[in-house]
Amino acid sequence: KFERETLVQILKLHNTVIVGDTIYKNQYLAGLNEVLPIQNNENTK
């Protein structure tokens, strides 16, 4: 149901990932500025 690019960005914001019936620590965890969309609202600031 979700676009691939959206899922890639979402994955970067989780420290743990489930694949099948196994969980892994996410080696690709990103910093905030790498993922958050560029906008000028107060929450982002």
PDB file of all heavy atoms in Angstrom:
ATOM      1  N   LYS A   1       0.792  -1.224   0.000  1.00  0.00           N
ATOM      2  CA  LYS A   1       0.000   0.000   0.000  1.00  0.00           C
ATOM      3  C   LYS A   1       0.827   1.277   0.000  1.00  0.00           C
ATOM      4  O   LYS A   1       0.299   2.352  -0.304  1.00  0.00           O
ATOM      5  CB  LYS A   1      -0.939   0.001   1.216  1.00  0.00           C
ATOM      6  CG  LYS A   1      -1.935  -1.145   1.196  1.00  0.00           C
ATOM      7  CD  LYS A   1      -2.852  -1.099   2.413  1.00  0.00           C
ATOM      8  CE  LYS A   1      -3.852  -2.249   2.392  1.00  0.00           C
ATOM      9  NZ  LYS A   1      -4.760  -2.216   3.562  1.00  0.00           N
ATOM     10  N   PHE A   2       2.117   1.194   0.371  1.00  0.00           N
ATOM     11  CA  PHE A   2       2.943   2.394   0.473  1.00  0.00           C
ATOM     12  C   PHE A   2       4.005   2.420  -0.616  1.00  0.00           C
ATOM     13  O   PHE A   2       4.513   1.375  -1.040  1.00  0.00           O
ATOM     14  CB  PHE A   2       3.629   2.455   1.848  1.00  0.00           C
ATOM     15  CG  PHE A   2       2.702   2.736   2.991  1.00  0.00           C
ATOM     16  CD1 PHE A   2       2.078   1.701   3.670  1.00  0.00           C
ATOM     17  CD2 PHE A   2       2.434   4.042   3.387  1.00  0.00           C
ATOM     18  CE1 PHE A   2       1.218   1.949   4.726  1.00  0.00           C
ATOM     19  CE2 PHE A   2       1.571   4.301   4.442  1.00  0.00           C
ATOM     20  CZ  PHE A   2       0.967   3.256   5.117  1.00  0.00           C
ATOM     21  N   GLU A   3       4.351   3.636  -1.053  1.00  0.00           N
ATOM     22  CA  GLU A   3       5.418   3.798  -2.033  1.00  0.00           C
ATOM     23  C   GLU A   3       6.754   3.386  -1.424  1.00  0.00           C
ATOM     24  O   GLU A   3       6.998   3.569  -0.226  1.00  0.00           O
ATOM     25  CB  GLU A   3       5.496   5.255  -2.490  1.00  0.00           C
ATOM     26  CG  GLU A   3       4.259   5.743  -3.231  1.00  0.00           C
ATOM     27  CD  GLU A   3       4.103   5.078  -4.592  1.00  0.00           C
ATOM     28  OE1 GLU A   3       5.137   4.652  -5.156  1.00  0.00           O
ATOM     29  OE2 GLU A   3       2.964   4.995  -5.083  1.00  0.00           O
ATOM     30  N   ARG A   4       7.619   2.844  -2.268  1.00  0.00           N
ATOM     31  CA  ARG A   4       8.913   2.357  -1.798  1.00  0.00           C
ATOM     32  C   ARG A   4       9.714   3.465  -1.122  1.00  0.00           C
ATOM     33  O   ARG A   4      10.320   3.255  -0.061  1.00  0.00           O
ATOM     34  CB  ARG A   4       9.709   1.782  -2.968  1.00  0.00           C
ATOM     35  CG  ARG A   4      11.075   1.227  -2.559  1.00  0.00           C
ATOM     36  CD  ARG A   4      11.841   0.668  -3.747  1.00  0.00           C
ATOM     37  NE  ARG A   4      13.126   0.138  -3.341  1.00  0.00           N
ATOM     38  CZ  ARG A   4      14.219   0.871  -3.146  1.00  0.00           C
ATOM     39  NH1 ARG A   4      14.173   2.185  -3.333  1.00  0.00           N
ATOM     40  NH2 ARG A   4      15.354   0.313  -2.769  1.00  0.00           N
ATOM     41  N   GLU A   5       9.744   4.654  -1.699  1.00  0.00           N
ATOM     42  CA  GLU A   5      10.534   5.748  -1.138  1.00  0.00           C
ATOM     43  C   GLU A   5      10.017   6.145   0.242  1.00  0.00           C
ATOM     44  O   GLU A   5      10.802   6.464   1.137  1.00  0.00           O
ATOM     45  CB  GLU A   5      10.508   6.961  -2.068  1.00  0.00           C
ATOM     46  CG  GLU A   5      11.317   8.151  -1.588  1.00  0.00           C
ATOM     47  CD  GLU A   5      12.782   7.811  -1.330  1.00  0.00           C
ATOM     48  OE1 GLU A   5      13.333   6.927  -2.020  1.00  0.00           O
ATOM     49  OE2 GLU A   5      13.369   8.445  -0.431  1.00  0.00           O
ATOM     50  N   THR A   6       8.703   6.116   0.421  1.00  0.00           N
ATOM     51  CA  THR A   6       8.133   6.409   1.739  1.00  0.00           C
ATOM     52  C   THR A   6       8.600   5.383   2.765  1.00  0.00           C
ATOM     53  O   THR A   6       8.995   5.732   3.882  1.00  0.00           O
ATOM     54  CB  THR A   6       6.597   6.405   1.672  1.00  0.00           C
ATOM     55  OG1 THR A   6       6.154   7.415   0.769  1.00  0.00           O
ATOM     56  CG2 THR A   6       5.986   6.657   3.049  1.00  0.00           C
ATOM     57  N   LEU A   7       8.590   4.100   2.392  1.00  0.00           N
ATOM     58  CA  LEU A   7       9.011   3.043   3.309  1.00  0.00           C
ATOM     59  C   LEU A   7      10.489   3.158   3.662  1.00  0.00           C
ATOM     60  O   LEU A   7      10.886   2.910   4.805  1.00  0.00           O
ATOM     61  CB  LEU A   7       8.720   1.672   2.699  1.00  0.00           C
ATOM     62  CG  LEU A   7       7.241   1.327   2.514  1.00  0.00           C
ATOM     63  CD1 LEU A   7       7.091  -0.008   1.802  1.00  0.00           C
ATOM     64  CD2 LEU A   7       6.513   1.305   3.847  1.00  0.00           C
ATOM     65  N   VAL A   8      11.313   3.543   2.686  1.00  0.00           N
ATOM     66  CA  VAL A   8      12.746   3.722   2.952  1.00  0.00           C
ATOM     67  C   VAL A   8      12.957   4.812   3.992  1.00  0.00           C
ATOM     68  O   VAL A   8      13.735   4.662   4.942  1.00  0.00           O
ATOM     69  CB  VAL A   8      13.506   4.061   1.657  1.00  0.00           C
ATOM     70  CG1 VAL A   8      14.933   4.509   1.969  1.00  0.00           C
ATOM     71  CG2 VAL A   8      13.531   2.857   0.728  1.00  0.00           C
ATOM     72  N   GLN A   9      12.246   5.926   3.843  1.00  0.00           N
ATOM     73  CA  GLN A   9      12.364   7.018   4.799  1.00  0.00           C
ATOM     74  C   GLN A   9      11.853   6.618   6.180  1.00  0.00           C
ATOM     75  O   GLN A   9      12.450   6.964   7.204  1.00  0.00           O
ATOM     76  CB  GLN A   9      11.584   8.239   4.286  1.00  0.00           C
ATOM     77  CG  GLN A   9      12.133   8.846   3.009  1.00  0.00           C
ATOM     78  CD  GLN A   9      13.474   9.522   3.250  1.00  0.00           C
ATOM     79  OE1 GLN A   9      14.505   8.870   3.301  1.00  0.00           O
ATOM     80  NE2 GLN A   9      13.461  10.832   3.390  1.00  0.00           N
ATOM     81  N   ILE A  10      10.742   5.893   6.200  1.00  0.00           N
ATOM     82  CA  ILE A  10      10.160   5.448   7.465  1.00  0.00           C
ATOM     83  C   ILE A  10      11.116   4.525   8.212  1.00  0.00           C
ATOM     84  O   ILE A  10      11.311   4.640   9.425  1.00  0.00           O
ATOM     85  CB  ILE A  10       8.814   4.743   7.218  1.00  0.00           C
ATOM     86  CG1 ILE A  10       7.739   5.747   6.800  1.00  0.00           C
ATOM     87  CG2 ILE A  10       8.366   3.957   8.446  1.00  0.00           C
ATOM     88  CD1 ILE A  10       7.389   6.760   7.859  1.00  0.00           C
ATOM     89  N   LEU A  11      11.727   3.601   7.501  1.00  0.00           N
ATOM     90  CA  LEU A  11      12.655   2.658   8.126  1.00  0.00           C
ATOM     91  C   LEU A  11      13.778   3.378   8.855  1.00  0.00           C
ATOM     92  O   LEU A  11      14.229   2.938   9.913  1.00  0.00           O
ATOM     93  CB  LEU A  11      13.242   1.724   7.072  1.00  0.00           C
ATOM     94  CG  LEU A  11      12.438   0.471   6.726  1.00  0.00           C
ATOM     95  CD1 LEU A  11      13.068  -0.245   5.534  1.00  0.00           C
ATOM     96  CD2 LEU A  11      12.352  -0.468   7.918  1.00  0.00           C
ATOM     97  N   LYS A  12      14.230   4.482   8.306  1.00  0.00           N
ATOM     98  CA  LYS A  12      15.361   5.211   8.884  1.00  0.00           C
ATOM     99  C   LYS A  12      15.042   5.811  10.247  1.00  0.00           C
ATOM    100  O   LYS A  12      15.949   6.230  10.962  1.00  0.00           O
ATOM    101  CB  LYS A  12      15.811   6.317   7.930  1.00  0.00           C
ATOM    102  CG  LYS A  12      16.430   5.815   6.638  1.00  0.00           C
ATOM    103  CD  LYS A  12      16.806   6.979   5.734  1.00  0.00           C
ATOM    104  CE  LYS A  12      17.412   6.515   4.422  1.00  0.00           C
ATOM    105  NZ  LYS A  12      17.746   7.669   3.533  1.00  0.00           N
ATOM    106  N   LEU A  13      13.764   5.856  10.600  1.00  0.00           N
ATOM    107  CA  LEU A  13      13.365   6.468  11.868  1.00  0.00           C
ATOM    108  C   LEU A  13      13.077   5.434  12.961  1.00  0.00           C
ATOM    109  O   LEU A  13      12.592   5.787  14.035  1.00  0.00           O
ATOM    110  CB  LEU A  13      12.131   7.354  11.653  1.00  0.00           C
ATOM    111  CG  LEU A  13      12.437   8.702  11.006  1.00  0.00           C
ATOM    112  CD1 LEU A  13      11.152   9.383  10.552  1.00  0.00           C
ATOM    113  CD2 LEU A  13      13.200   9.604  11.966  1.00  0.00           C
ATOM    114  N   HIS A  14      13.363   4.162  12.699  1.00  0.00           N
ATOM    115  CA  HIS A  14      13.119   3.101  13.685  1.00  0.00           C
ATOM    116  C   HIS A  14      14.429   2.420  14.044  1.00  0.00           C
ATOM    117  O   HIS A  14      15.205   2.062  13.161  1.00  0.00           O
ATOM    118  CB  HIS A  14      12.142   2.072  13.114  1.00  0.00           C
ATOM    119  CG  HIS A  14      10.771   2.618  12.868  1.00  0.00           C
ATOM    120  ND1 HIS A  14      10.473   3.408  11.773  1.00  0.00           N
ATOM    121  CD2 HIS A  14       9.617   2.497  13.589  1.00  0.00           C
ATOM    122  CE1 HIS A  14       9.194   3.739  11.826  1.00  0.00           C
ATOM    123  NE2 HIS A  14       8.654   3.201  12.913  1.00  0.00           N
ATOM    124  N   ASN A  15      14.663   2.223  15.321  1.00  0.00           N
ATOM    125  CA  ASN A  15      15.941   1.629  15.731  1.00  0.00           C
ATOM    126  C   ASN A  15      15.952   0.108  15.637  1.00  0.00           C
ATOM    127  O   ASN A  15      16.992  -0.523  15.744  1.00  0.00           O
ATOM    128  CB  ASN A  15      16.311   2.074  17.157  1.00  0.00           C
ATOM    129  CG  ASN A  15      15.438   1.442  18.217  1.00  0.00           C
ATOM    130  OD1 ASN A  15      14.299   1.055  17.960  1.00  0.00           O
ATOM    131  ND2 ASN A  15      15.958   1.319  19.425  1.00  0.00           N
ATOM    132  N   THR A  16      14.766  -0.486  15.423  1.00  0.00           N
ATOM    133  CA  THR A  16      14.650  -1.936  15.344  1.00  0.00           C
ATOM    134  C   THR A  16      13.696  -2.302  14.213  1.00  0.00           C
ATOM    135  O   THR A  16      12.687  -1.622  14.006  1.00  0.00           O
ATOM    136  CB  THR A  16      14.132  -2.519  16.676  1.00  0.00           C
ATOM    137  OG1 THR A  16      14.933  -2.013  17.758  1.00  0.00           O
ATOM    138  CG2 THR A  16      14.192  -4.026  16.683  1.00  0.00           C
ATOM    139  N   VAL A  17      14.024  -3.374  13.479  1.00  0.00           N
ATOM    140  CA  VAL A  17      13.245  -3.782  12.312  1.00  0.00           C
ATOM    141  C   VAL A  17      12.862  -5.248  12.445  1.00  0.00           C
ATOM    142  O   VAL A  17      13.665  -6.073  12.899  1.00  0.00           O
ATOM    143  CB  VAL A  17      14.056  -3.579  11.016  1.00  0.00           C
ATOM    144  CG1 VAL A  17      13.259  -4.039   9.799  1.00  0.00           C
ATOM    145  CG2 VAL A  17      14.465  -2.112  10.855  1.00  0.00           C
ATOM    146  N   ILE A  18      11.625  -5.572  12.062  1.00  0.00           N
ATOM    147  CA  ILE A  18      11.176  -6.965  12.028  1.00  0.00           C
ATOM    148  C   ILE A  18      11.181  -7.446  10.592  1.00  0.00           C
ATOM    149  O   ILE A  18      10.609  -6.796   9.704  1.00  0.00           O
ATOM    150  CB  ILE A  18       9.767  -7.119  12.626  1.00  0.00           C
ATOM    151  CG1 ILE A  18       9.749  -6.668  14.085  1.00  0.00           C
ATOM    152  CG2 ILE A  18       9.288  -8.562  12.514  1.00  0.00           C
ATOM    153  CD1 ILE A  18       8.364  -6.727  14.716  1.00  0.00           C
ATOM    154  N   VAL A  19      11.821  -8.587  10.353  1.00  0.00           N
ATOM    155  CA  VAL A  19      11.819  -9.241   9.041  1.00  0.00           C
ATOM    156  C   VAL A  19      11.341 -10.669   9.263  1.00  0.00           C
ATOM    157  O   VAL A  19      12.025 -11.462   9.913  1.00  0.00           O
ATOM    158  CB  VAL A  19      13.214  -9.246   8.387  1.00  0.00           C
ATOM    159  CG1 VAL A  19      13.150  -9.944   7.027  1.00  0.00           C
ATOM    160  CG2 VAL A  19      13.740  -7.826   8.247  1.00  0.00           C
ATOM    161  N   GLY A  20      10.154 -10.982   8.731  1.00  0.00           N
ATOM    162  CA  GLY A  20       9.588 -12.302   8.979  1.00  0.00           C
ATOM    163  C   GLY A  20       9.277 -12.467  10.450  1.00  0.00           C
ATOM    164  O   GLY A  20       8.531 -11.683  11.029  1.00  0.00           O
ATOM    165  N   ASP A  21       9.884 -13.460  11.090  1.00  0.00           N
ATOM    166  CA  ASP A  21       9.673 -13.669  12.531  1.00  0.00           C
ATOM    167  C   ASP A  21      10.944 -13.383  13.328  1.00  0.00           C
ATOM    168  O   ASP A  21      11.152 -13.918  14.416  1.00  0.00           O
ATOM    169  CB  ASP A  21       9.192 -15.098  12.813  1.00  0.00           C
ATOM    170  CG  ASP A  21      10.179 -16.150  12.325  1.00  0.00           C
ATOM    171  OD1 ASP A  21      11.195 -15.781  11.716  1.00  0.00           O
ATOM    172  OD2 ASP A  21       9.924 -17.351  12.565  1.00  0.00           O
ATOM    173  N   THR A  22      11.788 -12.497  12.785  1.00  0.00           N
ATOM    174  CA  THR A  22      13.067 -12.173  13.420  1.00  0.00           C
ATOM    175  C   THR A  22      13.202 -10.664  13.550  1.00  0.00           C
ATOM    176  O   THR A  22      12.770  -9.915  12.670  1.00  0.00           O
ATOM    177  CB  THR A  22      14.242 -12.730  12.590  1.00  0.00           C
ATOM    178  OG1 THR A  22      14.039 -14.128  12.360  1.00  0.00           O
ATOM    179  CG2 THR A  22      15.564 -12.529  13.320  1.00  0.00           C
ATOM    180  N   ILE A  23      13.793 -10.190  14.649  1.00  0.00           N
ATOM    181  CA  ILE A  23      14.013  -8.759  14.824  1.00  0.00           C
ATOM    182  C   ILE A  23      15.500  -8.445  14.764  1.00  0.00           C
ATOM    183  O   ILE A  23      16.336  -9.248  15.161  1.00  0.00           O
ATOM    184  CB  ILE A  23      13.399  -8.239  16.146  1.00  0.00           C
ATOM    185  CG1 ILE A  23      13.965  -9.001  17.357  1.00  0.00           C
ATOM    186  CG2 ILE A  23      11.902  -8.334  16.106  1.00  0.00           C
ATOM    187  CD1 ILE A  23      13.449  -8.468  18.677  1.00  0.00           C
ATOM    188  N   TYR A  24      15.813  -7.268  14.226  1.00  0.00           N
ATOM    189  CA  TYR A  24      17.198  -6.838  14.054  1.00  0.00           C
ATOM    190  C   TYR A  24      17.334  -5.388  14.494  1.00  0.00           C
ATOM    191  O   TYR A  24      16.401  -4.590  14.352  1.00  0.00           O
ATOM    192  CB  TYR A  24      17.617  -6.920  12.582  1.00  0.00           C
ATOM    193  CG  TYR A  24      17.505  -8.284  11.962  1.00  0.00           C
ATOM    194  CD1 TYR A  24      16.339  -8.671  11.306  1.00  0.00           C
ATOM    195  CD2 TYR A  24      18.557  -9.188  12.026  1.00  0.00           C
ATOM    196  CE1 TYR A  24      16.228  -9.926  10.723  1.00  0.00           C
ATOM    197  CE2 TYR A  24      18.459 -10.447  11.439  1.00  0.00           C
ATOM    198  CZ  TYR A  24      17.294 -10.803  10.788  1.00  0.00           C
ATOM    199  OH  TYR A  24      17.183 -12.050  10.216  1.00  0.00           O
ATOM    200  N   LYS A  25      18.500  -5.025  14.992  1.00  0.00           N
ATOM    201  CA  LYS A  25      18.816  -3.623  15.203  1.00  0.00           C
ATOM    202  C   LYS A  25      19.052  -2.976  13.836  1.00  0.00           C
ATOM    203  O   LYS A  25      19.701  -3.553  12.964  1.00  0.00           O
ATOM    204  CB  LYS A  25      20.055  -3.475  16.090  1.00  0.00           C
ATOM    205  CG  LYS A  25      19.809  -3.818  17.546  1.00  0.00           C
ATOM    206  CD  LYS A  25      18.738  -2.919  18.157  1.00  0.00           C
ATOM    207  CE  LYS A  25      18.478  -3.235  19.615  1.00  0.00           C
ATOM    208  NZ  LYS A  25      17.382  -2.409  20.174  1.00  0.00           N
ATOM    209  N   ASN A  26      18.520  -1.782  13.654  1.00  0.00           N
ATOM    210  CA  ASN A  26      18.594  -1.101  12.362  1.00  0.00           C
ATOM    211  C   ASN A  26      19.948  -0.410  12.199  1.00  0.00           C
ATOM    212  O   ASN A  26      20.245   0.569  12.891  1.00  0.00           O
ATOM    213  CB  ASN A  26      17.459  -0.090  12.251  1.00  0.00           C
ATOM    214  CG  ASN A  26      17.372   0.545  10.881  1.00  0.00           C
ATOM    215  OD1 ASN A  26      18.121   0.197   9.975  1.00  0.00           O
ATOM    216  ND2 ASN A  26      16.452   1.481  10.735  1.00  0.00           N
ATOM    217  N   GLN A  27      20.751  -0.883  11.269  1.00  0.00           N
ATOM    218  CA  GLN A  27      22.072  -0.300  11.016  1.00  0.00           C
ATOM    219  C   GLN A  27      21.985   0.994  10.207  1.00  0.00           C
ATOM    220  O   GLN A  27      22.986   1.683  10.041  1.00  0.00           O
ATOM    221  CB  GLN A  27      22.949  -1.306  10.279  1.00  0.00           C
ATOM    222  CG  GLN A  27      23.206  -2.582  11.064  1.00  0.00           C
ATOM    223  CD  GLN A  27      24.094  -3.565  10.311  1.00  0.00           C
ATOM    224  OE1 GLN A  27      24.565  -3.280   9.221  1.00  0.00           O
ATOM    225  NE2 GLN A  27      24.322  -4.716  10.918  1.00  0.00           N
ATOM    226  N   TYR A  28      20.804   1.306   9.704  1.00  0.00           N
ATOM    227  CA  TYR A  28      20.651   2.478   8.839  1.00  0.00           C
ATOM    228  C   TYR A  28      19.826   3.580   9.511  1.00  0.00           C
ATOM    229  O   TYR A  28      19.253   4.439   8.852  1.00  0.00           O
ATOM    230  CB  TYR A  28      19.990   2.064   7.519  1.00  0.00           C
ATOM    231  CG  TYR A  28      20.770   0.988   6.805  1.00  0.00           C
ATOM    232  CD1 TYR A  28      20.370  -0.337   6.886  1.00  0.00           C
ATOM    233  CD2 TYR A  28      21.924   1.291   6.086  1.00  0.00           C
ATOM    234  CE1 TYR A  28      21.097  -1.343   6.256  1.00  0.00           C
ATOM    235  CE2 TYR A  28      22.654   0.303   5.450  1.00  0.00           C
ATOM    236  CZ  TYR A  28      22.234  -1.010   5.542  1.00  0.00           C
ATOM    237  OH  TYR A  28      22.958  -1.995   4.914  1.00  0.00           O
ATOM    238  N   LEU A  29      19.777   3.535  10.844  1.00  0.00           N
ATOM    239  CA  LEU A  29      19.052   4.556  11.597  1.00  0.00           C
ATOM    240  C   LEU A  29      19.624   5.933  11.272  1.00  0.00           C
ATOM    241  O   LEU A  29      20.827   6.159  11.366  1.00  0.00           O
ATOM    242  CB  LEU A  29      19.173   4.280  13.088  1.00  0.00           C
ATOM    243  CG  LEU A  29      18.362   5.156  14.040  1.00  0.00           C
ATOM    244  CD1 LEU A  29      16.869   4.924  13.841  1.00  0.00           C
ATOM    245  CD2 LEU A  29      18.748   4.846  15.482  1.00  0.00           C
ATOM    246  N   ALA A  30      18.762   6.855  10.895  1.00  0.00           N
ATOM    247  CA  ALA A  30      19.212   8.164  10.421  1.00  0.00           C
ATOM    248  C   ALA A  30      19.054   9.228  11.493  1.00  0.00           C
ATOM    249  O   ALA A  30      18.257   9.100  12.430  1.00  0.00           O
ATOM    250  CB  ALA A  30      18.421   8.567   9.182  1.00  0.00           C
ATOM    251  N   GLY A  31      19.801  10.315  11.339  1.00  0.00           N
ATOM    252  CA  GLY A  31      19.606  11.495  12.165  1.00  0.00           C
ATOM    253  C   GLY A  31      18.388  12.261  11.701  1.00  0.00           C
ATOM    254  O   GLY A  31      17.891  12.078  10.588  1.00  0.00           O
ATOM    255  N   LEU A  32      17.883  13.141  12.547  1.00  0.00           N
ATOM    256  CA  LEU A  32      16.647  13.867  12.252  1.00  0.00           C
ATOM    257  C   LEU A  32      16.711  14.630  10.946  1.00  0.00           C
ATOM    258  O   LEU A  32      15.814  14.573  10.118  1.00  0.00           O
ATOM    259  CB  LEU A  32      16.333  14.825  13.400  1.00  0.00           C
ATOM    260  CG  LEU A  32      15.097  15.717  13.216  1.00  0.00           C
ATOM    261  CD1 LEU A  32      13.850  14.857  13.146  1.00  0.00           C
ATOM    262  CD2 LEU A  32      15.002  16.711  14.341  1.00  0.00           C
ATOM    263  N   ASN A  33      17.773  15.366  10.699  1.00  0.00           N
ATOM    264  CA  ASN A  33      17.846  16.218   9.517  1.00  0.00           C
ATOM    265  C   ASN A  33      17.961  15.433   8.221  1.00  0.00           C
ATOM    266  O   ASN A  33      17.753  15.976   7.140  1.00  0.00           O
ATOM    267  CB  ASN A  33      19.025  17.187   9.633  1.00  0.00           C
ATOM    268  CG  ASN A  33      18.797  18.224  10.716  1.00  0.00           C
ATOM    269  OD1 ASN A  33      17.662  18.612  10.964  1.00  0.00           O
ATOM    270  ND2 ASN A  33      19.860  18.645  11.373  1.00  0.00           N
ATOM    271  N   GLU A  34      18.286  14.140   8.312  1.00  0.00           N
ATOM    272  CA  GLU A  34      18.371  13.319   7.117  1.00  0.00           C
ATOM    273  C   GLU A  34      17.005  12.904   6.605  1.00  0.00           C
ATOM    274  O   GLU A  34      16.855  12.542   5.454  1.00  0.00           O
ATOM    275  CB  GLU A  34      19.185  12.059   7.410  1.00  0.00           C
ATOM    276  CG  GLU A  34      20.632  12.294   7.757  1.00  0.00           C
ATOM    277  CD  GLU A  34      21.321  10.980   8.071  1.00  0.00           C
ATOM    278  OE1 GLU A  34      21.384  10.121   7.171  1.00  0.00           O
ATOM    279  OE2 GLU A  34      21.783  10.805   9.206  1.00  0.00           O
ATOM    280  N   VAL A  35      15.984  12.926   7.468  1.00  0.00           N
ATOM    281  CA  VAL A  35      14.703  12.329   7.112  1.00  0.00           C
ATOM    282  C   VAL A  35      13.555  13.317   7.118  1.00  0.00           C
ATOM    283  O   VAL A  35      12.713  13.320   6.234  1.00  0.00           O
ATOM    284  CB  VAL A  35      14.372  11.168   8.078  1.00  0.00           C
ATOM    285  CG1 VAL A  35      13.044  10.535   7.708  1.00  0.00           C
ATOM    286  CG2 VAL A  35      15.485  10.135   8.049  1.00  0.00           C
ATOM    287  N   LEU A  36      13.484  14.179   8.132  1.00  0.00           N
ATOM    288  CA  LEU A  36      12.321  15.042   8.296  1.00  0.00           C
ATOM    289  C   LEU A  36      12.123  15.931   7.076  1.00  0.00           C
ATOM    290  O   LEU A  36      13.075  16.514   6.580  1.00  0.00           O
ATOM    291  CB  LEU A  36      12.496  15.915   9.541  1.00  0.00           C
ATOM    292  CG  LEU A  36      11.216  16.510  10.131  1.00  0.00           C
ATOM    293  CD1 LEU A  36      10.325  15.419  10.699  1.00  0.00           C
ATOM    294  CD2 LEU A  36      11.553  17.525  11.197  1.00  0.00           C
ATOM    295  N   PRO A  37      10.905  16.033   6.532  1.00  0.00           N
ATOM    296  CA  PRO A  37      10.665  16.855   5.356  1.00  0.00           C
ATOM    297  C   PRO A  37      10.992  18.312   5.609  1.00  0.00           C
ATOM    298  O   PRO A  37      10.861  18.807   6.726  1.00  0.00           O
ATOM    299  CB  PRO A  37       9.170  16.664   5.085  1.00  0.00           C
ATOM    300  CG  PRO A  37       8.595  16.214   6.373  1.00  0.00           C
ATOM    301  CD  PRO A  37       9.677  15.418   7.046  1.00  0.00           C
ATOM    302  N   ILE A  38      11.418  19.010   4.571  1.00  0.00           N
ATOM    303  CA  ILE A  38      11.771  20.415   4.686  1.00  0.00           C
ATOM    304  C   ILE A  38      10.497  21.237   4.692  1.00  0.00           C
ATOM    305  O   ILE A  38       9.776  21.319   3.703  1.00  0.00           O
ATOM    306  CB  ILE A  38      12.673  20.860   3.526  1.00  0.00           C
ATOM    307  CG1 ILE A  38      13.970  20.055   3.547  1.00  0.00           C
ATOM    308  CG2 ILE A  38      12.974  22.345   3.616  1.00  0.00           C
ATOM    309  CD1 ILE A  38      14.853  20.288   2.346  1.00  0.00           C
ATOM    310  N   GLN A  39      10.180  21.827   5.827  1.00  0.00           N
ATOM    311  CA  GLN A  39       9.017  22.678   5.954  1.00  0.00           C
ATOM    312  C   GLN A  39       9.275  23.645   7.099  1.00  0.00           C
ATOM    313  O   GLN A  39      10.188  23.473   7.879  1.00  0.00           O
ATOM    314  CB  GLN A  39       7.749  21.843   6.197  1.00  0.00           C
ATOM    315  CG  GLN A  39       7.911  20.815   7.306  1.00  0.00           C
ATOM    316  CD  GLN A  39       6.710  19.907   7.371  1.00  0.00           C
ATOM    317  OE1 GLN A  39       5.648  20.219   6.878  1.00  0.00           O
ATOM    318  NE2 GLN A  39       6.868  18.769   8.011  1.00  0.00           N
ATOM    319  N   ASN A  40       8.463  24.662   7.193  1.00  0.00           N
ATOM    320  CA  ASN A  40       8.736  25.724   8.146  1.00  0.00           C
ATOM    321  C   ASN A  40       7.735  25.770   9.299  1.00  0.00           C
ATOM    322  O   ASN A  40       7.594  26.793   9.948  1.00  0.00           O
ATOM    323  CB  ASN A  40       8.724  27.081   7.417  1.00  0.00           C
ATOM    324  CG  ASN A  40       9.866  27.194   6.437  1.00  0.00           C
ATOM    325  OD1 ASN A  40      10.989  26.803   6.738  1.00  0.00           O
ATOM    326  ND2 ASN A  40       9.577  27.717   5.253  1.00  0.00           N
ATOM    327  N   ASN A  41       7.039  24.650   9.533  1.00  0.00           N
ATOM    328  CA  ASN A  41       6.069  24.698  10.624  1.00  0.00           C
ATOM    329  C   ASN A  41       6.772  24.652  11.974  1.00  0.00           C
ATOM    330  O   ASN A  41       7.948  24.322  12.078  1.00  0.00           O
ATOM    331  CB  ASN A  41       5.039  23.555  10.498  1.00  0.00           C
ATOM    332  CG  ASN A  41       5.678  22.194  10.586  1.00  0.00           C
ATOM    333  OD1 ASN A  41       6.496  21.941  11.452  1.00  0.00           O
ATOM    334  ND2 ASN A  41       5.309  21.315   9.665  1.00  0.00           N
ATOM    335  N   GLU A  42       6.037  24.979  13.024  1.00  0.00           N
ATOM    336  CA  GLU A  42       6.627  25.115  14.349  1.00  0.00           C
ATOM    337  C   GLU A  42       7.126  23.785  14.892  1.00  0.00           C
ATOM    338  O   GLU A  42       8.123  23.729  15.607  1.00  0.00           O
ATOM    339  CB  GLU A  42       5.588  25.725  15.304  1.00  0.00           C
ATOM    340  CG  GLU A  42       5.293  27.195  15.021  1.00  0.00           C
ATOM    341  CD  GLU A  42       6.567  28.048  15.051  1.00  0.00           C
ATOM    342  OE1 GLU A  42       7.363  27.880  15.996  1.00  0.00           O
ATOM    343  OE2 GLU A  42       6.754  28.850  14.134  1.00  0.00           O
ATOM    344  N   ASN A  43       6.425  22.668  14.577  1.00  0.00           N
ATOM    345  CA  ASN A  43       6.867  21.367  15.074  1.00  0.00           C
ATOM    346  C   ASN A  43       8.240  21.005  14.533  1.00  0.00           C
ATOM    347  O   ASN A  43       9.093  20.487  15.249  1.00  0.00           O
ATOM    348  CB  ASN A  43       5.861  20.280  14.666  1.00  0.00           C
ATOM    349  CG  ASN A  43       4.593  20.355  15.483  1.00  0.00           C
ATOM    350  OD1 ASN A  43       4.610  20.866  16.593  1.00  0.00           O
ATOM    351  ND2 ASN A  43       3.495  19.857  14.947  1.00  0.00           N
ATOM    352  N   THR A  44       8.460  21.272  13.252  1.00  0.00           N
ATOM    353  CA  THR A  44       9.747  20.960  12.648  1.00  0.00           C
ATOM    354  C   THR A  44      10.847  21.803  13.269  1.00  0.00           C
ATOM    355  O   THR A  44      11.934  21.315  13.576  1.00  0.00           O
ATOM    356  CB  THR A  44       9.693  21.222  11.130  1.00  0.00           C
ATOM    357  OG1 THR A  44       8.644  20.434  10.571  1.00  0.00           O
ATOM    358  CG2 THR A  44      10.999  20.849  10.474  1.00  0.00           C
ATOM    359  N   LYS A  45      10.609  23.091  13.465  1.00  0.00           N
ATOM    360  CA  LYS A  45      11.608  23.968  14.082  1.00  0.00           C
ATOM    361  C   LYS A  45      11.954  23.492  15.486  1.00  0.00           C
ATOM    362  O   LYS A  45      13.106  23.499  15.891  1.00  0.00           O
ATOM    363  CB  LYS A  45      11.072  25.405  14.129  1.00  0.00           C
ATOM    364  CG  LYS A  45      10.940  26.063  12.753  1.00  0.00           C
ATOM    365  CD  LYS A  45      10.340  27.457  12.895  1.00  0.00           C
ATOM    366  CE  LYS A  45      10.164  28.125  11.546  1.00  0.00           C
ATOM    367  NZ  LYS A  45       9.523  29.455  11.673  1.00  0.00           N
TER     368      LYS A  45
END
